[in-house]
């Protein structure tokens, strides 16, 4: 899935402060989500979905593991 395709979900995550599965999102990750939403030139890049907390986040902003729950497994 591309960032552009996931924009509504990213915006909902910021607004609600929760992942699609209901996990709380930390403030640092909310700022990262806001950056992904505003960076229109990168909306063709992929997103990663954490297998633990289900956060949907730009693959460009994830260095290693989930920035929200610190899960170190493979992103989907």
C-alpha atoms as a PDB file:
ATOM      1  CA  UNK A   1       0.000   0.000   0.000  1.00  0.00           C
ATOM      2  CA  UNK A   2       1.216   3.521  -0.794  1.00  0.00           C
ATOM      3  CA  UNK A   3       1.144   6.519   1.550  1.00  0.00           C
ATOM      4  CA  UNK A   4      -1.334   8.279  -0.734  1.00  0.00           C
ATOM      5  CA  UNK A   5      -3.711   5.321  -0.475  1.00  0.00           C
ATOM      6  CA  UNK A   6      -3.461   5.300   3.321  1.00  0.00           C
ATOM      7  CA  UNK A   7      -3.900   9.043   3.939  1.00  0.00           C
ATOM      8  CA  UNK A   8      -7.361   8.725   5.501  1.00  0.00           C
ATOM      9  CA  UNK A   9      -6.068   6.093   7.930  1.00  0.00           C
ATOM     10  CA  UNK A  10      -2.981   8.162   8.774  1.00  0.00           C
ATOM     11  CA  UNK A  11      -5.197  11.186   9.478  1.00  0.00           C
ATOM     12  CA  UNK A  12      -7.501   9.088  11.667  1.00  0.00           C
ATOM     13  CA  UNK A  13      -4.515   7.758  13.621  1.00  0.00           C
ATOM     14  CA  UNK A  14      -3.401  11.344  14.343  1.00  0.00           C
ATOM     15  CA  UNK A  15      -6.907  12.564  15.210  1.00  0.00           C
ATOM     16  CA  UNK A  16      -7.768   9.641  17.488  1.00  0.00           C
ATOM     17  CA  UNK A  17      -4.288   8.983  18.885  1.00  0.00           C
ATOM     18  CA  UNK A  18      -4.884   5.274  18.278  1.00  0.00           C
ATOM     19  CA  UNK A  19      -3.818   2.629  15.795  1.00  0.00           C
ATOM     20  CA  UNK A  20      -6.475   0.869  13.703  1.00  0.00           C
ATOM     21  CA  UNK A  21      -6.461  -1.938  16.297  1.00  0.00           C
ATOM     22  CA  UNK A  22      -6.910   0.488  19.218  1.00  0.00           C
ATOM     23  CA  UNK A  23      -3.369   0.760  20.604  1.00  0.00           C
ATOM     24  CA  UNK A  24      -2.431   4.240  21.885  1.00  0.00           C
ATOM     25  CA  UNK A  25       0.061   6.159  19.736  1.00  0.00           C
ATOM     26  CA  UNK A  26       2.943   7.983  21.440  1.00  0.00           C
ATOM     27  CA  UNK A  27       3.522  11.706  20.782  1.00  0.00           C
ATOM     28  CA  UNK A  28       6.744  11.196  18.826  1.00  0.00           C
ATOM     29  CA  UNK A  29       4.973   8.821  16.439  1.00  0.00           C
ATOM     30  CA  UNK A  30       2.053  11.245  16.030  1.00  0.00           C
ATOM     31  CA  UNK A  31       4.552  13.898  14.892  1.00  0.00           C
ATOM     32  CA  UNK A  32       6.018  11.378  12.453  1.00  0.00           C
ATOM     33  CA  UNK A  33       2.540  10.622  11.084  1.00  0.00           C
ATOM     34  CA  UNK A  34       1.887  14.335  10.604  1.00  0.00           C
ATOM     35  CA  UNK A  35       5.144  14.647   8.654  1.00  0.00           C
ATOM     36  CA  UNK A  36       4.151  11.750   6.387  1.00  0.00           C
ATOM     37  CA  UNK A  37       0.754  13.336   5.712  1.00  0.00           C
ATOM     38  CA  UNK A  38       2.258  16.727   4.859  1.00  0.00           C
ATOM     39  CA  UNK A  39       5.057  15.357   2.643  1.00  0.00           C
ATOM     40  CA  UNK A  40       3.024  15.095  -0.580  1.00  0.00           C
ATOM     41  CA  UNK A  41       6.068  14.403  -2.763  1.00  0.00           C
ATOM     42  CA  UNK A  42       6.543  11.061  -1.002  1.00  0.00           C
ATOM     43  CA  UNK A  43       2.934   9.843  -1.155  1.00  0.00           C
ATOM     44  CA  UNK A  44       3.986   7.255  -3.771  1.00  0.00           C
ATOM     45  CA  UNK A  45       6.234   5.481  -1.259  1.00  0.00           C
ATOM     46  CA  UNK A  46       5.168   2.416   0.691  1.00  0.00           C
ATOM     47  CA  UNK A  47       3.745   2.202   4.187  1.00  0.00           C
ATOM     48  CA  UNK A  48       4.609  -0.365   6.817  1.00  0.00           C
ATOM     49  CA  UNK A  49       2.054  -1.981   9.085  1.00  0.00           C
ATOM     50  CA  UNK A  50       3.273  -3.157  12.488  1.00  0.00           C
ATOM     51  CA  UNK A  51       2.368  -6.786  13.138  1.00  0.00           C
ATOM     52  CA  UNK A  52       2.031  -6.027  16.850  1.00  0.00           C
ATOM     53  CA  UNK A  53       0.172  -2.709  17.291  1.00  0.00           C
ATOM     54  CA  UNK A  54      -1.101  -2.375  13.678  1.00  0.00           C
ATOM     55  CA  UNK A  55       0.066   1.198  13.195  1.00  0.00           C
ATOM     56  CA  UNK A  56       0.284   2.233   9.561  1.00  0.00           C
ATOM     57  CA  UNK A  57       3.333   4.439   9.011  1.00  0.00           C
ATOM     58  CA  UNK A  58       5.508   5.672   6.140  1.00  0.00           C
ATOM     59  CA  UNK A  59       8.328   3.221   5.447  1.00  0.00           C
ATOM     60  CA  UNK A  60      10.626   6.248   4.998  1.00  0.00           C
ATOM     61  CA  UNK A  61      10.268   7.210   8.665  1.00  0.00           C
ATOM     62  CA  UNK A  62      10.973   3.802  10.176  1.00  0.00           C
ATOM     63  CA  UNK A  63      14.609   2.930  10.752  1.00  0.00           C
ATOM     64  CA  UNK A  64      14.314  -0.288  12.731  1.00  0.00           C
ATOM     65  CA  UNK A  65      11.286  -1.728  14.441  1.00  0.00           C
ATOM     66  CA  UNK A  66       8.008  -0.050  15.199  1.00  0.00           C
ATOM     67  CA  UNK A  67       8.370   3.556  16.405  1.00  0.00           C
ATOM     68  CA  UNK A  68       5.169   3.188  18.428  1.00  0.00           C
ATOM     69  CA  UNK A  69       5.453  -0.134  20.292  1.00  0.00           C
ATOM     70  CA  UNK A  70       9.119  -1.016  19.583  1.00  0.00           C
ATOM     71  CA  UNK A  71       8.196  -4.361  18.022  1.00  0.00           C
ATOM     72  CA  UNK A  72      11.279  -5.635  16.209  1.00  0.00           C
ATOM     73  CA  UNK A  73       9.593  -8.177  13.917  1.00  0.00           C
ATOM     74  CA  UNK A  74       9.238  -7.811  10.177  1.00  0.00           C
ATOM     75  CA  UNK A  75       6.818  -5.117   9.025  1.00  0.00           C
ATOM     76  CA  UNK A  76       4.169  -6.126   6.527  1.00  0.00           C
END
